[in-house]
Amino acid sequence: MTSSLVLRAALLGIAAGGRSSLGLAAPALTASRRRPVRLAALAAVAGELVADKLPATPSRTIPPSVAVRLAAGAAGGALLARRQGVPLLPALAGAAGAAAGTLGGARWRGLAGRRVPDLPAALAEDVVVVTIASLACRGIAAGR
């Protein structure tokens, strides 16, 4: 196991802190060759990207939401590591990244919401977390 893998797991966790579905969906989209898995992952991400913009969507910082995001970050870290041995450290890094992404993302959205309307801030956050998840999962199909 390399430090690069742990860093990638933490990055994936940060993305999961922003959009919880990315914790599992990003590794599935980049590593799975099975069409149903890829379609389910895309549907989960698309659904969350839309749901995040709805006024009734609860805060990401309430305990159930935080727990889901931490679990998604940990699971994503473990998925990244599954071909390289014991996934414990990447899972912990994913959970830690998710904690940072959850709190940092909520704080950023609060600050951005004072300067620009909420929708552009949410869309900018979408771009950032999807990009981070993509970077974290680069090369996992090849087992790197």
N, C-alpha and C. Protein backbone atom coordinates (compact mmCIF):
# COMPACT_ATOMS: atom_id res chain seq x y z
N MET A 1 0.84 -1.17 0.00
CA MET A 1 0.00 0.00 0.00
C MET A 1 0.89 1.24 0.00
N THR A 2 0.50 2.20 -0.81
CA THR A 2 1.32 3.39 -0.94
C THR A 2 0.64 4.60 -0.28
N SER A 3 1.45 5.61 -0.02
CA SER A 3 0.89 6.85 0.52
C SER A 3 -0.03 7.50 -0.51
N SER A 4 0.24 7.28 -1.79
CA SER A 4 -0.61 7.80 -2.84
C SER A 4 -2.04 7.24 -2.72
N LEU A 5 -2.15 5.97 -2.40
CA LEU A 5 -3.46 5.35 -2.23
C LEU A 5 -4.20 5.97 -1.05
N VAL A 6 -3.52 6.21 0.04
CA VAL A 6 -4.15 6.81 1.22
C VAL A 6 -4.59 8.25 0.89
N LEU A 7 -3.78 8.98 0.18
CA LEU A 7 -4.14 10.34 -0.24
C LEU A 7 -5.36 10.30 -1.15
N ARG A 8 -5.38 9.38 -2.10
CA ARG A 8 -6.52 9.26 -3.00
C ARG A 8 -7.78 8.90 -2.23
N ALA A 9 -7.65 8.04 -1.23
CA ALA A 9 -8.81 7.68 -0.40
C ALA A 9 -9.32 8.90 0.37
N ALA A 10 -8.41 9.71 0.88
CA ALA A 10 -8.81 10.94 1.59
C ALA A 10 -9.50 11.91 0.62
N LEU A 11 -8.99 12.03 -0.59
CA LEU A 11 -9.63 12.89 -1.59
C LEU A 11 -11.03 12.39 -1.93
N LEU A 12 -11.16 11.08 -2.09
CA LEU A 12 -12.48 10.53 -2.37
C LEU A 12 -13.41 10.80 -1.20
N GLY A 13 -12.89 10.71 0.01
CA GLY A 13 -13.70 11.05 1.18
C GLY A 13 -14.15 12.49 1.18
N ILE A 14 -13.28 13.40 0.78
CA ILE A 14 -13.66 14.82 0.69
C ILE A 14 -14.82 14.98 -0.29
N ALA A 15 -14.71 14.29 -1.42
CA ALA A 15 -15.80 14.35 -2.40
C ALA A 15 -17.09 13.77 -1.82
N ALA A 16 -16.99 12.68 -1.07
CA ALA A 16 -18.17 12.08 -0.44
C ALA A 16 -18.75 12.99 0.62
N GLY A 17 -17.93 13.82 1.24
CA GLY A 17 -18.43 14.80 2.18
C GLY A 17 -19.29 15.84 1.49
N GLY A 18 -18.99 16.10 0.23
CA GLY A 18 -19.78 17.05 -0.55
C GLY A 18 -21.02 16.42 -1.15
N ARG A 19 -20.87 15.25 -1.74
CA ARG A 19 -21.97 14.49 -2.33
C ARG A 19 -21.74 13.04 -1.96
N SER A 20 -22.51 12.55 -1.01
CA SER A 20 -22.25 11.22 -0.42
C SER A 20 -22.24 10.09 -1.44
N SER A 21 -23.02 10.21 -2.48
CA SER A 21 -23.07 9.14 -3.48
C SER A 21 -21.74 8.92 -4.17
N LEU A 22 -20.89 9.94 -4.20
CA LEU A 22 -19.60 9.81 -4.89
C LEU A 22 -18.67 8.81 -4.21
N GLY A 23 -18.85 8.57 -2.91
CA GLY A 23 -17.98 7.62 -2.21
C GLY A 23 -18.00 6.24 -2.84
N LEU A 24 -19.17 5.78 -3.21
CA LEU A 24 -19.29 4.47 -3.85
C LEU A 24 -19.38 4.58 -5.36
N ALA A 25 -20.02 5.62 -5.85
CA ALA A 25 -20.26 5.73 -7.29
C ALA A 25 -18.98 6.00 -8.09
N ALA A 26 -18.11 6.84 -7.59
CA ALA A 26 -16.89 7.16 -8.36
C ALA A 26 -16.02 5.92 -8.60
N PRO A 27 -15.74 5.10 -7.57
CA PRO A 27 -14.98 3.87 -7.87
C PRO A 27 -15.74 2.93 -8.80
N ALA A 28 -17.06 2.85 -8.66
CA ALA A 28 -17.85 1.98 -9.53
C ALA A 28 -17.81 2.46 -10.98
N LEU A 29 -17.89 3.76 -11.17
CA LEU A 29 -17.87 4.31 -12.52
C LEU A 29 -16.52 4.14 -13.20
N THR A 30 -15.46 4.18 -12.42
CA THR A 30 -14.13 4.11 -13.02
C THR A 30 -13.57 2.70 -13.08
N ALA A 31 -14.09 1.77 -12.29
CA ALA A 31 -13.50 0.43 -12.27
C ALA A 31 -14.41 -0.65 -12.81
N SER A 32 -15.71 -0.48 -12.71
CA SER A 32 -16.63 -1.54 -13.13
C SER A 32 -16.80 -1.55 -14.64
N ARG A 33 -16.83 -2.74 -15.18
CA ARG A 33 -17.12 -2.89 -16.60
C ARG A 33 -18.57 -3.31 -16.81
N ARG A 34 -19.28 -3.54 -15.71
CA ARG A 34 -20.66 -4.01 -15.81
C ARG A 34 -21.60 -2.82 -15.98
N ARG A 35 -22.34 -2.84 -17.05
CA ARG A 35 -23.24 -1.73 -17.38
C ARG A 35 -24.27 -1.45 -16.28
N PRO A 36 -24.93 -2.46 -15.70
CA PRO A 36 -25.92 -2.14 -14.64
C PRO A 36 -25.29 -1.43 -13.44
N VAL A 37 -24.07 -1.79 -13.09
CA VAL A 37 -23.39 -1.14 -11.96
C VAL A 37 -23.12 0.32 -12.31
N ARG A 38 -22.64 0.55 -13.50
CA ARG A 38 -22.32 1.91 -13.93
C ARG A 38 -23.59 2.77 -14.02
N LEU A 39 -24.67 2.19 -14.54
CA LEU A 39 -25.93 2.94 -14.63
C LEU A 39 -26.49 3.27 -13.25
N ALA A 40 -26.42 2.33 -12.34
CA ALA A 40 -26.89 2.59 -10.97
C ALA A 40 -26.05 3.69 -10.32
N ALA A 41 -24.74 3.65 -10.53
CA ALA A 41 -23.86 4.67 -9.96
C ALA A 41 -24.18 6.05 -10.55
N LEU A 42 -24.37 6.10 -11.85
CA LEU A 42 -24.73 7.37 -12.49
C LEU A 42 -26.07 7.89 -11.98
N ALA A 43 -27.04 7.00 -11.83
CA ALA A 43 -28.35 7.41 -11.33
C ALA A 43 -28.25 7.96 -9.91
N ALA A 44 -27.44 7.32 -9.07
CA ALA A 44 -27.28 7.78 -7.70
C ALA A 44 -26.68 9.18 -7.65
N VAL A 45 -25.64 9.38 -8.43
CA VAL A 45 -24.99 10.69 -8.45
C VAL A 45 -25.93 11.74 -9.02
N ALA A 46 -26.57 11.44 -10.14
CA ALA A 46 -27.50 12.40 -10.75
C ALA A 46 -28.63 12.75 -9.78
N GLY A 47 -29.17 11.76 -9.12
CA GLY A 47 -30.24 12.01 -8.15
C GLY A 47 -29.79 12.91 -7.03
N GLU A 48 -28.59 12.67 -6.52
CA GLU A 48 -28.11 13.51 -5.43
C GLU A 48 -27.79 14.92 -5.90
N LEU A 49 -27.24 15.04 -7.11
CA LEU A 49 -26.95 16.37 -7.63
C LEU A 49 -28.22 17.20 -7.74
N VAL A 50 -29.33 16.57 -8.15
CA VAL A 50 -30.60 17.27 -8.24
C VAL A 50 -31.17 17.53 -6.85
N ALA A 51 -31.19 16.51 -6.01
CA ALA A 51 -31.79 16.64 -4.67
C ALA A 51 -31.10 17.71 -3.83
N ASP A 52 -29.82 17.88 -4.04
CA ASP A 52 -29.08 18.89 -3.27
C ASP A 52 -29.62 20.30 -3.50
N LYS A 53 -30.22 20.52 -4.64
CA LYS A 53 -30.70 21.87 -4.98
C LYS A 53 -32.09 22.15 -4.45
N LEU A 54 -32.79 21.13 -3.94
CA LEU A 54 -34.16 21.31 -3.49
C LEU A 54 -34.21 21.97 -2.12
N PRO A 55 -35.19 22.85 -1.90
CA PRO A 55 -35.26 23.55 -0.62
C PRO A 55 -35.52 22.64 0.58
N ALA A 56 -36.15 21.50 0.36
CA ALA A 56 -36.47 20.59 1.47
C ALA A 56 -35.31 19.68 1.86
N THR A 57 -34.21 19.73 1.13
CA THR A 57 -33.06 18.87 1.43
C THR A 57 -32.46 19.29 2.77
N PRO A 58 -32.31 18.32 3.68
CA PRO A 58 -31.77 18.67 5.00
C PRO A 58 -30.28 19.00 4.94
N SER A 59 -29.81 19.64 5.97
CA SER A 59 -28.40 20.00 6.08
C SER A 59 -27.52 18.77 6.10
N ARG A 60 -26.36 18.88 5.49
CA ARG A 60 -25.41 17.78 5.50
C ARG A 60 -24.77 17.59 6.87
N THR A 61 -24.98 18.55 7.77
CA THR A 61 -24.33 18.48 9.07
C THR A 61 -25.21 17.89 10.17
N ILE A 62 -26.44 17.46 9.84
CA ILE A 62 -27.24 16.77 10.85
C ILE A 62 -26.69 15.36 11.02
N PRO A 63 -26.79 14.80 12.22
CA PRO A 63 -26.14 13.51 12.50
C PRO A 63 -26.39 12.39 11.48
N PRO A 64 -27.62 12.14 11.02
CA PRO A 64 -27.77 11.05 10.04
C PRO A 64 -27.01 11.32 8.74
N SER A 65 -27.03 12.56 8.28
CA SER A 65 -26.31 12.90 7.05
C SER A 65 -24.80 12.75 7.23
N VAL A 66 -24.30 13.18 8.36
CA VAL A 66 -22.86 13.04 8.63
C VAL A 66 -22.47 11.57 8.64
N ALA A 67 -23.29 10.75 9.30
CA ALA A 67 -22.98 9.32 9.38
C ALA A 67 -22.93 8.68 8.00
N VAL A 68 -23.88 9.04 7.13
CA VAL A 68 -23.90 8.49 5.77
C VAL A 68 -22.66 8.94 5.01
N ARG A 69 -22.26 10.18 5.16
CA ARG A 69 -21.10 10.70 4.44
C ARG A 69 -19.80 10.05 4.93
N LEU A 70 -19.69 9.86 6.25
CA LEU A 70 -18.51 9.17 6.79
C LEU A 70 -18.44 7.73 6.30
N ALA A 71 -19.58 7.06 6.30
CA ALA A 71 -19.62 5.68 5.81
C ALA A 71 -19.29 5.61 4.32
N ALA A 72 -19.80 6.56 3.54
CA ALA A 72 -19.51 6.59 2.11
C ALA A 72 -18.03 6.85 1.85
N GLY A 73 -17.43 7.75 2.62
CA GLY A 73 -15.99 8.00 2.47
C GLY A 73 -15.17 6.78 2.84
N ALA A 74 -15.53 6.12 3.92
CA ALA A 74 -14.81 4.91 4.35
C ALA A 74 -14.96 3.79 3.32
N ALA A 75 -16.18 3.60 2.84
CA ALA A 75 -16.42 2.55 1.84
C ALA A 75 -15.67 2.85 0.55
N GLY A 76 -15.66 4.10 0.15
CA GLY A 76 -14.93 4.48 -1.06
C GLY A 76 -13.43 4.24 -0.91
N GLY A 77 -12.88 4.59 0.26
CA GLY A 77 -11.46 4.33 0.50
C GLY A 77 -11.15 2.85 0.45
N ALA A 78 -12.03 2.04 1.03
CA ALA A 78 -11.83 0.59 1.00
C ALA A 78 -11.92 0.06 -0.43
N LEU A 79 -12.85 0.59 -1.23
CA LEU A 79 -12.95 0.15 -2.62
C LEU A 79 -11.70 0.49 -3.42
N LEU A 80 -11.14 1.66 -3.17
CA LEU A 80 -9.90 2.03 -3.87
C LEU A 80 -8.77 1.07 -3.54
N ALA A 81 -8.77 0.57 -2.31
CA ALA A 81 -7.66 -0.26 -1.84
C ALA A 81 -7.86 -1.74 -2.06
N ARG A 82 -9.02 -2.15 -2.52
CA ARG A 82 -9.33 -3.58 -2.53
C ARG A 82 -8.36 -4.43 -3.33
N ARG A 83 -7.68 -3.88 -4.31
CA ARG A 83 -6.72 -4.67 -5.09
C ARG A 83 -5.30 -4.59 -4.54
N GLN A 84 -5.11 -3.77 -3.52
CA GLN A 84 -3.74 -3.57 -3.04
C GLN A 84 -3.54 -4.01 -1.60
N GLY A 85 -4.40 -4.84 -1.09
CA GLY A 85 -4.18 -5.34 0.25
C GLY A 85 -5.21 -4.87 1.24
N VAL A 86 -4.80 -4.71 2.46
CA VAL A 86 -5.68 -4.39 3.57
C VAL A 86 -6.25 -2.97 3.40
N PRO A 87 -7.57 -2.85 3.41
CA PRO A 87 -8.17 -1.54 3.16
C PRO A 87 -8.39 -0.68 4.40
N LEU A 88 -7.87 -1.08 5.55
CA LEU A 88 -8.18 -0.34 6.78
C LEU A 88 -7.70 1.11 6.74
N LEU A 89 -6.45 1.34 6.42
CA LEU A 89 -5.93 2.71 6.41
C LEU A 89 -6.61 3.57 5.35
N PRO A 90 -6.80 3.08 4.13
CA PRO A 90 -7.56 3.90 3.16
C PRO A 90 -9.00 4.16 3.61
N ALA A 91 -9.63 3.19 4.28
CA ALA A 91 -10.99 3.41 4.77
C ALA A 91 -11.00 4.51 5.83
N LEU A 92 -10.02 4.50 6.72
CA LEU A 92 -9.92 5.55 7.73
C LEU A 92 -9.64 6.91 7.08
N ALA A 93 -8.78 6.91 6.08
CA ALA A 93 -8.48 8.16 5.37
C ALA A 93 -9.73 8.67 4.65
N GLY A 94 -10.51 7.75 4.07
CA GLY A 94 -11.75 8.14 3.41
C GLY A 94 -12.74 8.75 4.39
N ALA A 95 -12.87 8.15 5.57
CA ALA A 95 -13.78 8.69 6.58
C ALA A 95 -13.30 10.06 7.06
N ALA A 96 -12.01 10.20 7.28
CA ALA A 96 -11.47 11.50 7.71
C ALA A 96 -11.68 12.55 6.63
N GLY A 97 -11.45 12.17 5.38
CA GLY A 97 -11.71 13.10 4.28
C GLY A 97 -13.17 13.49 4.20
N ALA A 98 -14.06 12.52 4.45
CA ALA A 98 -15.49 12.82 4.43
C ALA A 98 -15.87 13.81 5.53
N ALA A 99 -15.27 13.66 6.69
CA ALA A 99 -15.53 14.61 7.77
C ALA A 99 -15.10 16.02 7.35
N ALA A 100 -13.91 16.11 6.77
CA ALA A 100 -13.42 17.41 6.31
C ALA A 100 -14.29 17.96 5.18
N GLY A 101 -14.67 17.10 4.25
CA GLY A 101 -15.51 17.54 3.14
C GLY A 101 -16.90 17.97 3.58
N THR A 102 -17.44 17.27 4.56
CA THR A 102 -18.77 17.62 5.08
C THR A 102 -18.74 18.98 5.74
N LEU A 103 -17.83 19.17 6.67
CA LEU A 103 -17.77 20.43 7.41
C LEU A 103 -17.26 21.57 6.54
N GLY A 104 -16.21 21.30 5.77
CA GLY A 104 -15.66 22.34 4.90
C GLY A 104 -16.65 22.76 3.81
N GLY A 105 -17.33 21.78 3.23
CA GLY A 105 -18.31 22.09 2.20
C GLY A 105 -19.48 22.89 2.73
N ALA A 106 -19.95 22.53 3.92
CA ALA A 106 -21.05 23.27 4.53
C ALA A 106 -20.63 24.71 4.83
N ARG A 107 -19.43 24.85 5.33
CA ARG A 107 -18.92 26.20 5.64
C ARG A 107 -18.77 27.02 4.36
N TRP A 108 -18.21 26.41 3.32
CA TRP A 108 -18.03 27.11 2.05
C TRP A 108 -19.38 27.53 1.48
N ARG A 109 -20.37 26.62 1.50
CA ARG A 109 -21.69 26.96 0.96
C ARG A 109 -22.31 28.11 1.75
N GLY A 110 -22.10 28.12 3.06
CA GLY A 110 -22.62 29.23 3.86
C GLY A 110 -21.98 30.55 3.48
N LEU A 111 -20.67 30.54 3.30
CA LEU A 111 -19.96 31.77 2.90
C LEU A 111 -20.33 32.18 1.48
N ALA A 112 -20.38 31.23 0.57
CA ALA A 112 -20.71 31.54 -0.81
C ALA A 112 -22.14 32.04 -0.92
N GLY A 113 -23.04 31.48 -0.10
CA GLY A 113 -24.44 31.89 -0.13
C GLY A 113 -24.66 33.34 0.25
N ARG A 114 -23.70 33.92 0.93
CA ARG A 114 -23.81 35.34 1.28
C ARG A 114 -23.36 36.24 0.12
N ARG A 115 -22.66 35.67 -0.83
CA ARG A 115 -22.10 36.47 -1.93
C ARG A 115 -22.81 36.24 -3.26
N VAL A 116 -23.26 35.01 -3.48
CA VAL A 116 -23.94 34.67 -4.74
C VAL A 116 -25.20 33.88 -4.39
N PRO A 117 -26.14 33.78 -5.32
CA PRO A 117 -27.32 32.94 -5.06
C PRO A 117 -26.90 31.48 -4.80
N ASP A 118 -27.76 30.76 -4.10
CA ASP A 118 -27.43 29.40 -3.68
C ASP A 118 -27.20 28.46 -4.86
N LEU A 119 -27.99 28.57 -5.93
CA LEU A 119 -27.84 27.64 -7.05
C LEU A 119 -26.45 27.71 -7.69
N PRO A 120 -25.93 28.88 -8.02
CA PRO A 120 -24.57 28.90 -8.57
C PRO A 120 -23.53 28.35 -7.60
N ALA A 121 -23.71 28.60 -6.30
CA ALA A 121 -22.77 28.06 -5.31
C ALA A 121 -22.85 26.54 -5.28
N ALA A 122 -24.06 26.00 -5.34
CA ALA A 122 -24.24 24.55 -5.33
C ALA A 122 -23.66 23.92 -6.58
N LEU A 123 -23.86 24.56 -7.73
CA LEU A 123 -23.31 24.03 -8.98
C LEU A 123 -21.79 24.06 -8.97
N ALA A 124 -21.22 25.12 -8.44
CA ALA A 124 -19.76 25.19 -8.33
C ALA A 124 -19.24 24.09 -7.42
N GLU A 125 -19.95 23.84 -6.32
CA GLU A 125 -19.53 22.76 -5.43
C GLU A 125 -19.63 21.41 -6.14
N ASP A 126 -20.68 21.22 -6.94
CA ASP A 126 -20.81 19.98 -7.72
C ASP A 126 -19.57 19.75 -8.60
N VAL A 127 -19.18 20.79 -9.31
CA VAL A 127 -18.02 20.68 -10.20
C VAL A 127 -16.77 20.31 -9.41
N VAL A 128 -16.58 20.96 -8.27
CA VAL A 128 -15.39 20.70 -7.46
C VAL A 128 -15.37 19.26 -6.95
N VAL A 129 -16.48 18.79 -6.36
CA VAL A 129 -16.45 17.45 -5.77
C VAL A 129 -16.39 16.35 -6.82
N VAL A 130 -17.05 16.55 -7.97
CA VAL A 130 -16.96 15.54 -9.04
C VAL A 130 -15.53 15.49 -9.58
N THR A 131 -14.90 16.64 -9.72
CA THR A 131 -13.51 16.68 -10.18
C THR A 131 -12.59 15.99 -9.18
N ILE A 132 -12.77 16.25 -7.90
CA ILE A 132 -11.94 15.61 -6.88
C ILE A 132 -12.13 14.11 -6.90
N ALA A 133 -13.39 13.66 -7.00
CA ALA A 133 -13.66 12.21 -7.05
C ALA A 133 -13.03 11.58 -8.28
N SER A 134 -13.10 12.25 -9.41
CA SER A 134 -12.48 11.73 -10.64
C SER A 134 -10.97 11.60 -10.49
N LEU A 135 -10.35 12.61 -9.92
CA LEU A 135 -8.91 12.56 -9.71
C LEU A 135 -8.53 11.45 -8.73
N ALA A 136 -9.33 11.28 -7.69
CA ALA A 136 -9.04 10.24 -6.69
C ALA A 136 -9.12 8.85 -7.28
N CYS A 137 -9.99 8.67 -8.26
CA CYS A 137 -10.22 7.33 -8.81
C CYS A 137 -9.47 7.05 -10.10
N ARG A 138 -8.67 7.97 -10.53
CA ARG A 138 -7.89 7.74 -11.76
C ARG A 138 -7.02 6.51 -11.62
N GLY A 139 -7.10 5.66 -12.60
CA GLY A 139 -6.21 4.50 -12.63
C GLY A 139 -6.67 3.30 -11.83
N ILE A 140 -7.82 3.36 -11.17
CA ILE A 140 -8.19 2.18 -10.37
C ILE A 140 -8.62 1.02 -11.24
N ALA A 141 -9.08 1.29 -12.46
CA ALA A 141 -9.45 0.19 -13.33
C ALA A 141 -8.24 -0.68 -13.66
N ALA A 142 -7.07 -0.07 -13.66
CA ALA A 142 -5.84 -0.80 -13.94
C ALA A 142 -5.21 -1.35 -12.68
N GLY A 143 -5.87 -1.12 -11.53
CA GLY A 143 -5.36 -1.64 -10.28
C GLY A 143 -4.25 -0.81 -9.66
N ARG A 144 -4.11 0.44 -10.09
CA ARG A 144 -3.07 1.31 -9.55
C ARG A 144 -3.55 2.03 -8.33
